Amino acid sequence: GALPRFPLLADSKNGAAFGLDHGLDQLGWFRPRNKDESRCGVYYVGASTHPGNGVPLVFKSARLVCERILEDLGPSANEM
């Protein structure tokens, strides 16, 4: 069935259905940043990014991404 192939199909480490595996390298500050420094204009939001999982932290993640996008666009972006 599909279950054994889930990690491959979902590109999900260890088959975690709702995000990255929660090993020590995925806790707190070690989570992936919201802004991809190697790709221009690519940002990440959600439970698998900094600051973490749970509804309040996902909303905070979304706010952080919005702030980073506005910073990257420059002062004129705040007038939109």
PDB file of N, CA and C in Angstrom:
ATOM      1  N   GLY A   1       0.810  -1.191   0.000  1.00  0.00           N
ATOM      2  CA  GLY A   1       0.000   0.000   0.000  1.00  0.00           C
ATOM      3  C   GLY A   1       0.851   1.251   0.000  1.00  0.00           C
ATOM      4  N   ALA A   2       0.203   2.375   0.125  1.00  0.00           N
ATOM      5  CA  ALA A   2       0.876   3.677   0.075  1.00  0.00           C
ATOM      6  C   ALA A   2       1.635   3.995   1.351  1.00  0.00           C
ATOM      7  N   LEU A   3       1.228   3.444   2.488  1.00  0.00           N
ATOM      8  CA  LEU A   3       1.848   3.816   3.761  1.00  0.00           C
ATOM      9  C   LEU A   3       3.356   3.599   3.792  1.00  0.00           C
ATOM     10  N   PRO A   4       3.887   2.469   3.350  1.00  0.00           N
ATOM     11  CA  PRO A   4       5.348   2.327   3.364  1.00  0.00           C
ATOM     12  C   PRO A   4       6.054   3.331   2.449  1.00  0.00           C
ATOM     13  N   ARG A   5       5.354   3.833   1.446  1.00  0.00           N
ATOM     14  CA  ARG A   5       5.953   4.803   0.523  1.00  0.00           C
ATOM     15  C   ARG A   5       5.719   6.250   0.957  1.00  0.00           C
ATOM     16  N   PHE A   6       5.001   6.445   2.057  1.00  0.00           N
ATOM     17  CA  PHE A   6       4.644   7.801   2.477  1.00  0.00           C
ATOM     18  C   PHE A   6       5.851   8.736   2.601  1.00  0.00           C
ATOM     19  N   PRO A   7       6.929   8.329   3.268  1.00  0.00           N
ATOM     20  CA  PRO A   7       8.068   9.256   3.377  1.00  0.00           C
ATOM     21  C   PRO A   7       8.599   9.695   2.015  1.00  0.00           C
ATOM     22  N   LEU A   8       8.611   8.816   1.063  1.00  0.00           N
ATOM     23  CA  LEU A   8       9.087   9.159  -0.271  1.00  0.00           C
ATOM     24  C   LEU A   8       8.085  10.068  -0.982  1.00  0.00           C
ATOM     25  N   LEU A   9       6.807   9.718  -0.927  1.00  0.00           N
ATOM     26  CA  LEU A   9       5.771  10.503  -1.610  1.00  0.00           C
ATOM     27  C   LEU A   9       5.634  11.906  -1.022  1.00  0.00           C
ATOM     28  N   ALA A  10       5.733  12.020   0.298  1.00  0.00           N
ATOM     29  CA  ALA A  10       5.535  13.304   0.966  1.00  0.00           C
ATOM     30  C   ALA A  10       6.842  14.032   1.238  1.00  0.00           C
ATOM     31  N   ASP A  11       7.956  13.438   0.829  1.00  0.00           N
ATOM     32  CA  ASP A  11       9.273  14.003   1.118  1.00  0.00           C
ATOM     33  C   ASP A  11       9.356  14.345   2.603  1.00  0.00           C
ATOM     34  N   SER A  12       8.959  13.389   3.432  1.00  0.00           N
ATOM     35  CA  SER A  12       8.830  13.598   4.862  1.00  0.00           C
ATOM     36  C   SER A  12       9.756  12.660   5.633  1.00  0.00           C
ATOM     37  N   LYS A  13      10.724  13.243   6.316  1.00  0.00           N
ATOM     38  CA  LYS A  13      11.690  12.463   7.078  1.00  0.00           C
ATOM     39  C   LYS A  13      10.985  11.571   8.095  1.00  0.00           C
ATOM     40  N   ASN A  14      11.312  10.319   8.088  1.00  0.00           N
ATOM     41  CA  ASN A  14      10.748   9.338   9.019  1.00  0.00           C
ATOM     42  C   ASN A  14       9.230   9.238   8.964  1.00  0.00           C
ATOM     43  N   GLY A  15       8.615   9.713   7.895  1.00  0.00           N
ATOM     44  CA  GLY A  15       7.179   9.557   7.729  1.00  0.00           C
ATOM     45  C   GLY A  15       6.330  10.453   8.597  1.00  0.00           C
ATOM     46  N   ALA A  16       6.888  11.547   9.099  1.00  0.00           N
ATOM     47  CA  ALA A  16       6.111  12.460   9.929  1.00  0.00           C
ATOM     48  C   ALA A  16       5.041  13.135   9.068  1.00  0.00           C
ATOM     49  N   ALA A  17       3.773  12.925   9.405  1.00  0.00           N
ATOM     50  CA  ALA A  17       2.674  13.403   8.561  1.00  0.00           C
ATOM     51  C   ALA A  17       2.496  14.913   8.598  1.00  0.00           C
ATOM     52  N   PHE A  18       2.850  15.557   9.698  1.00  0.00           N
ATOM     53  CA  PHE A  18       2.541  16.976   9.846  1.00  0.00           C
ATOM     54  C   PHE A  18       3.770  17.863   9.923  1.00  0.00           C
ATOM     55  N   GLY A  19       4.876  17.419   9.405  1.00  0.00           N
ATOM     56  CA  GLY A  19       6.064  18.259   9.391  1.00  0.00           C
ATOM     57  C   GLY A  19       7.317  17.460   9.625  1.00  0.00           C
ATOM     58  N   LEU A  20       8.366  18.179   9.935  1.00  0.00           N
ATOM     59  CA  LEU A  20       9.667  17.562  10.134  1.00  0.00           C
ATOM     60  C   LEU A  20       9.690  16.683  11.374  1.00  0.00           C
ATOM     61  N   ASP A  21      10.540  15.700  11.350  1.00  0.00           N
ATOM     62  CA  ASP A  21      10.752  14.839  12.501  1.00  0.00           C
ATOM     63  C   ASP A  21      11.246  15.680  13.673  1.00  0.00           C
ATOM     64  N   HIS A  22      10.748  15.404  14.863  1.00  0.00           N
ATOM     65  CA  HIS A  22      11.115  16.195  16.025  1.00  0.00           C
ATOM     66  C   HIS A  22      12.295  15.599  16.775  1.00  0.00           C
ATOM     67  N   GLY A  23      13.418  15.475  16.097  1.00  0.00           N
ATOM     68  CA  GLY A  23      14.653  15.087  16.761  1.00  0.00           C
ATOM     69  C   GLY A  23      15.250  16.305  17.439  1.00  0.00           C
ATOM     70  N   LEU A  24      16.355  16.147  18.124  1.00  0.00           N
ATOM     71  CA  LEU A  24      16.985  17.276  18.800  1.00  0.00           C
ATOM     72  C   LEU A  24      17.391  18.376  17.830  1.00  0.00           C
ATOM     73  N   ASP A  25      17.656  17.993  16.581  1.00  0.00           N
ATOM     74  CA  ASP A  25      18.047  18.990  15.588  1.00  0.00           C
ATOM     75  C   ASP A  25      16.848  19.739  14.997  1.00  0.00           C
ATOM     76  N   GLN A  26      15.645  19.478  15.505  1.00  0.00           N
ATOM     77  CA  GLN A  26      14.445  20.160  15.021  1.00  0.00           C
ATOM     78  C   GLN A  26      13.703  20.879  16.141  1.00  0.00           C
ATOM     79  N   LEU A  27      14.347  21.073  17.267  1.00  0.00           N
ATOM     80  CA  LEU A  27      13.684  21.731  18.389  1.00  0.00           C
ATOM     81  C   LEU A  27      14.127  23.185  18.501  1.00  0.00           C
ATOM     82  N   GLY A  28      13.177  24.050  18.841  1.00  0.00           N
ATOM     83  CA  GLY A  28      13.473  25.451  19.119  1.00  0.00           C
ATOM     84  C   GLY A  28      14.272  26.146  18.041  1.00  0.00           C
ATOM     85  N   TRP A  29      15.388  26.690  18.444  1.00  0.00           N
ATOM     86  CA  TRP A  29      16.219  27.507  17.564  1.00  0.00           C
ATOM     87  C   TRP A  29      16.763  26.735  16.363  1.00  0.00           C
ATOM     88  N   PHE A  30      16.809  25.416  16.441  1.00  0.00           N
ATOM     89  CA  PHE A  30      17.378  24.610  15.369  1.00  0.00           C
ATOM     90  C   PHE A  30      16.426  24.369  14.203  1.00  0.00           C
ATOM     91  N   ARG A  31      15.180  24.776  14.338  1.00  0.00           N
ATOM     92  CA  ARG A  31      14.230  24.611  13.234  1.00  0.00           C
ATOM     93  C   ARG A  31      14.677  25.468  12.056  1.00  0.00           C
ATOM     94  N   PRO A  32      14.246  25.096  10.851  1.00  0.00           N
ATOM     95  CA  PRO A  32      14.615  25.901   9.682  1.00  0.00           C
ATOM     96  C   PRO A  32      14.116  27.337   9.818  1.00  0.00           C
ATOM     97  N   ARG A  33      14.913  28.276   9.349  1.00  0.00           N
ATOM     98  CA  ARG A  33      14.534  29.694   9.370  1.00  0.00           C
ATOM     99  C   ARG A  33      13.374  29.931   8.413  1.00  0.00           C
ATOM    100  N   ASN A  34      12.726  31.071   8.561  1.00  0.00           N
ATOM    101  CA  ASN A  34      11.591  31.416   7.702  1.00  0.00           C
ATOM    102  C   ASN A  34      12.012  31.894   6.321  1.00  0.00           C
ATOM    103  N   LYS A  35      13.218  32.420   6.222  1.00  0.00           N
ATOM    104  CA  LYS A  35      13.698  32.943   4.943  1.00  0.00           C
ATOM    105  C   LYS A  35      14.802  32.034   4.430  1.00  0.00           C
ATOM    106  N   ASP A  36      14.666  31.613   3.198  1.00  0.00           N
ATOM    107  CA  ASP A  36      15.680  30.769   2.573  1.00  0.00           C
ATOM    108  C   ASP A  36      16.786  31.678   2.049  1.00  0.00           C
ATOM    109  N   GLU A  37      17.956  31.612   2.672  1.00  0.00           N
ATOM    110  CA  GLU A  37      19.058  32.489   2.289  1.00  0.00           C
ATOM    111  C   GLU A  37      19.702  32.080   0.968  1.00  0.00           C
ATOM    112  N   SER A  38      19.450  30.866   0.502  1.00  0.00           N
ATOM    113  CA  SER A  38      20.078  30.414  -0.735  1.00  0.00           C
ATOM    114  C   SER A  38      19.186  30.624  -1.964  1.00  0.00           C
ATOM    115  N   ARG A  39      17.911  30.983  -1.750  1.00  0.00           N
ATOM    116  CA  ARG A  39      16.982  31.209  -2.862  1.00  0.00           C
ATOM    117  C   ARG A  39      16.286  32.547  -2.678  1.00  0.00           C
ATOM    118  N   CYS A  40      16.436  33.410  -3.636  1.00  0.00           N
ATOM    119  CA  CYS A  40      15.854  34.744  -3.561  1.00  0.00           C
ATOM    120  C   CYS A  40      14.326  34.663  -3.599  1.00  0.00           C
ATOM    121  N   GLY A  41      13.681  35.314  -2.635  1.00  0.00           N
ATOM    122  CA  GLY A  41      12.225  35.397  -2.623  1.00  0.00           C
ATOM    123  C   GLY A  41      11.512  34.157  -2.123  1.00  0.00           C
ATOM    124  N   VAL A  42      12.238  33.223  -1.469  1.00  0.00           N
ATOM    125  CA  VAL A  42      11.604  32.007  -0.957  1.00  0.00           C
ATOM    126  C   VAL A  42      11.539  32.095   0.565  1.00  0.00           C
ATOM    127  N   TYR A  43      10.330  31.905   1.096  1.00  0.00           N
ATOM    128  CA  TYR A  43      10.076  31.991   2.533  1.00  0.00           C
ATOM    129  C   TYR A  43       9.277  30.764   2.946  1.00  0.00           C
ATOM    130  N   TYR A  44       9.399  30.388   4.223  1.00  0.00           N
ATOM    131  CA  TYR A  44       8.685  29.232   4.736  1.00  0.00           C
ATOM    132  C   TYR A  44       7.874  29.650   5.963  1.00  0.00           C
ATOM    133  N   VAL A  45       6.684  29.086   6.068  1.00  0.00           N
ATOM    134  CA  VAL A  45       5.829  29.369   7.206  1.00  0.00           C
ATOM    135  C   VAL A  45       5.161  28.070   7.630  1.00  0.00           C
ATOM    136  N   GLY A  46       4.910  27.922   8.917  1.00  0.00           N
ATOM    137  CA  GLY A  46       4.205  26.739   9.392  1.00  0.00           C
ATOM    138  C   GLY A  46       4.896  26.060  10.548  1.00  0.00           C
ATOM    139  N   ALA A  47       4.350  24.930  10.934  1.00  0.00           N
ATOM    140  CA  ALA A  47       4.795  24.217  12.126  1.00  0.00           C
ATOM    141  C   ALA A  47       6.204  23.660  12.010  1.00  0.00           C
ATOM    142  N   SER A  48       6.695  23.438  10.809  1.00  0.00           N
ATOM    143  CA  SER A  48       8.025  22.855  10.642  1.00  0.00           C
ATOM    144  C   SER A  48       9.126  23.901  10.570  1.00  0.00           C
ATOM    145  N   THR A  49       8.767  25.180  10.700  1.00  0.00           N
ATOM    146  CA  THR A  49       9.760  26.239  10.666  1.00  0.00           C
ATOM    147  C   THR A  49       9.838  26.914  12.022  1.00  0.00           C
ATOM    148  N   HIS A  50      10.765  27.832  12.144  1.00  0.00           N
ATOM    149  CA  HIS A  50      10.903  28.593  13.385  1.00  0.00           C
ATOM    150  C   HIS A  50       9.689  29.503  13.529  1.00  0.00           C
ATOM    151  N   PRO A  51       9.010  29.630  14.644  1.00  0.00           N
ATOM    152  CA  PRO A  51       9.403  29.176  15.956  1.00  0.00           C
ATOM    153  C   PRO A  51       8.928  27.773  16.336  1.00  0.00           C
ATOM    154  N   GLY A  52       7.974  27.176  15.637  1.00  0.00           N
ATOM    155  CA  GLY A  52       7.593  25.811  15.992  1.00  0.00           C
ATOM    156  C   GLY A  52       6.146  25.485  15.714  1.00  0.00           C
ATOM    157  N   ASN A  53       5.691  24.361  16.290  1.00  0.00           N
ATOM    158  CA  ASN A  53       4.340  23.880  16.000  1.00  0.00           C
ATOM    159  C   ASN A  53       3.331  24.381  17.015  1.00  0.00           C
ATOM    160  N   GLY A  54       2.078  24.131  16.718  1.00  0.00           N
ATOM    161  CA  GLY A  54       0.978  24.629  17.536  1.00  0.00           C
ATOM    162  C   GLY A  54       0.404  25.874  16.877  1.00  0.00           C
ATOM    163  N   VAL A  55      -0.875  26.066  16.995  1.00  0.00           N
ATOM    164  CA  VAL A  55      -1.553  27.170  16.307  1.00  0.00           C
ATOM    165  C   VAL A  55      -0.940  28.530  16.637  1.00  0.00           C
ATOM    166  N   PRO A  56      -0.699  28.890  17.908  1.00  0.00           N
ATOM    167  CA  PRO A  56      -0.116  30.208  18.177  1.00  0.00           C
ATOM    168  C   PRO A  56       1.240  30.407  17.509  1.00  0.00           C
ATOM    169  N   LEU A  57       2.073  29.383  17.518  1.00  0.00           N
ATOM    170  CA  LEU A  57       3.396  29.523  16.921  1.00  0.00           C
ATOM    171  C   LEU A  57       3.339  29.535  15.398  1.00  0.00           C
ATOM    172  N   VAL A  58       2.367  28.856  14.809  1.00  0.00           N
ATOM    173  CA  VAL A  58       2.204  28.919  13.353  1.00  0.00           C
ATOM    174  C   VAL A  58       1.773  30.325  12.946  1.00  0.00           C
ATOM    175  N   PHE A  59       0.873  30.949  13.708  1.00  0.00           N
ATOM    176  CA  PHE A  59       0.493  32.335  13.423  1.00  0.00           C
ATOM    177  C   PHE A  59       1.692  33.270  13.572  1.00  0.00           C
ATOM    178  N   LYS A  60       2.495  33.019  14.598  1.00  0.00           N
ATOM    179  CA  LYS A  60       3.695  33.839  14.782  1.00  0.00           C
ATOM    180  C   LYS A  60       4.654  33.640  13.613  1.00  0.00           C
ATOM    181  N   SER A  61       4.777  32.410  13.139  1.00  0.00           N
ATOM    182  CA  SER A  61       5.617  32.114  11.983  1.00  0.00           C
ATOM    183  C   SER A  61       5.141  32.907  10.776  1.00  0.00           C
ATOM    184  N   ALA A  62       3.839  32.971  10.568  1.00  0.00           N
ATOM    185  CA  ALA A  62       3.275  33.725   9.442  1.00  0.00           C
ATOM    186  C   ALA A  62       3.584  35.211   9.583  1.00  0.00           C
ATOM    187  N   ARG A  63       3.467  35.728  10.799  1.00  0.00           N
ATOM    188  CA  ARG A  63       3.782  37.143  11.024  1.00  0.00           C
ATOM    189  C   ARG A  63       5.257  37.430  10.746  1.00  0.00           C
ATOM    190  N   LEU A  64       6.145  36.533  11.199  1.00  0.00           N
ATOM    191  CA  LEU A  64       7.575  36.712  10.955  1.00  0.00           C
ATOM    192  C   LEU A  64       7.887  36.719   9.461  1.00  0.00           C
ATOM    193  N   VAL A  65       7.242  35.833   8.704  1.00  0.00           N
ATOM    194  CA  VAL A  65       7.467  35.802   7.257  1.00  0.00           C
ATOM    195  C   VAL A  65       6.982  37.103   6.626  1.00  0.00           C
ATOM    196  N   CYS A  66       5.819  37.586   7.020  1.00  0.00           N
ATOM    197  CA  CYS A  66       5.319  38.861   6.482  1.00  0.00           C
ATOM    198  C   CYS A  66       6.300  39.992   6.771  1.00  0.00           C
ATOM    199  N   GLU A  67       6.838  40.028   7.985  1.00  0.00           N
ATOM    200  CA  GLU A  67       7.805  41.069   8.345  1.00  0.00           C
ATOM    201  C   GLU A  67       9.072  40.962   7.495  1.00  0.00           C
ATOM    202  N   ARG A  68       9.546  39.740   7.269  1.00  0.00           N
ATOM    203  CA  ARG A  68      10.760  39.559   6.472  1.00  0.00           C
ATOM    204  C   ARG A  68      10.535  39.962   5.010  1.00  0.00           C
ATOM    205  N   ILE A  69       9.368  39.644   4.482  1.00  0.00           N
ATOM    206  CA  ILE A  69       9.062  40.041   3.108  1.00  0.00           C
ATOM    207  C   ILE A  69       9.018  41.559   2.998  1.00  0.00           C
ATOM    208  N   LEU A  70       8.369  42.226   3.952  1.00  0.00           N
ATOM    209  CA  LEU A  70       8.308  43.689   3.929  1.00  0.00           C
ATOM    210  C   LEU A  70       9.700  44.298   4.042  1.00  0.00           C
ATOM    211  N   GLU A  71      10.558  43.719   4.895  1.00  0.00           N
ATOM    212  CA  GLU A  71      11.937  44.200   5.010  1.00  0.00           C
ATOM    213  C   GLU A  71      12.665  44.063   3.673  1.00  0.00           C
ATOM    214  N   ASP A  72      12.500  42.932   3.015  1.00  0.00           N
ATOM    215  CA  ASP A  72      13.178  42.675   1.757  1.00  0.00           C
ATOM    216  C   ASP A  72      12.681  43.580   0.631  1.00  0.00           C
ATOM    217  N   LEU A  73      11.406  43.937   0.681  1.00  0.00           N
ATOM    218  CA  LEU A  73      10.846  44.806  -0.354  1.00  0.00           C
ATOM    219  C   LEU A  73      11.251  46.260  -0.167  1.00  0.00           C
ATOM    220  N   GLY A  74      11.610  46.622   1.047  1.00  0.00           N
ATOM    221  CA  GLY A  74      12.067  47.985   1.322  1.00  0.00           C
ATOM    222  C   GLY A  74      10.973  48.880   1.848  1.00  0.00           C
ATOM    223  N   PRO A  75      11.342  50.143   2.121  1.00  0.00           N
ATOM    224  CA  PRO A  75      10.409  51.102   2.744  1.00  0.00           C
ATOM    225  C   PRO A  75       9.112  51.317   1.977  1.00  0.00           C
ATOM    226  N   SER A  76       9.149  51.279   0.653  1.00  0.00           N
ATOM    227  CA  SER A  76       7.931  51.533  -0.114  1.00  0.00           C
ATOM    228  C   SER A  76       6.884  50.432   0.075  1.00  0.00           C
ATOM    229  N   ALA A  77       7.306  49.250   0.522  1.00  0.00           N
ATOM    230  CA  ALA A  77       6.362  48.136   0.716  1.00  0.00           C
ATOM    231  C   ALA A  77       5.395  48.431   1.855  1.00  0.00           C
ATOM    232  N   ASN A  78       5.819  49.197   2.837  1.00  0.00           N
ATOM    233  CA  ASN A  78       4.931  49.513   3.964  1.00  0.00           C
ATOM    234  C   ASN A  78       3.803  50.430   3.569  1.00  0.00           C
ATOM    235  N   GLU A  79       3.899  51.050   2.405  1.00  0.00           N
ATOM    236  CA  GLU A  79       2.848  51.954   1.931  1.00  0.00           C
ATOM    237  C   GLU A  79       1.760  51.216   1.172  1.00  0.00           C
ATOM    238  N   MET A  80       1.961  49.917   0.900  1.00  0.00           N
ATOM    239  CA  MET A  80       0.981  49.139   0.132  1.00  0.00           C
ATOM    240  C   MET A  80      -0.300  48.951   0.908  1.00  0.00           C
TER     241      MET A  80
END
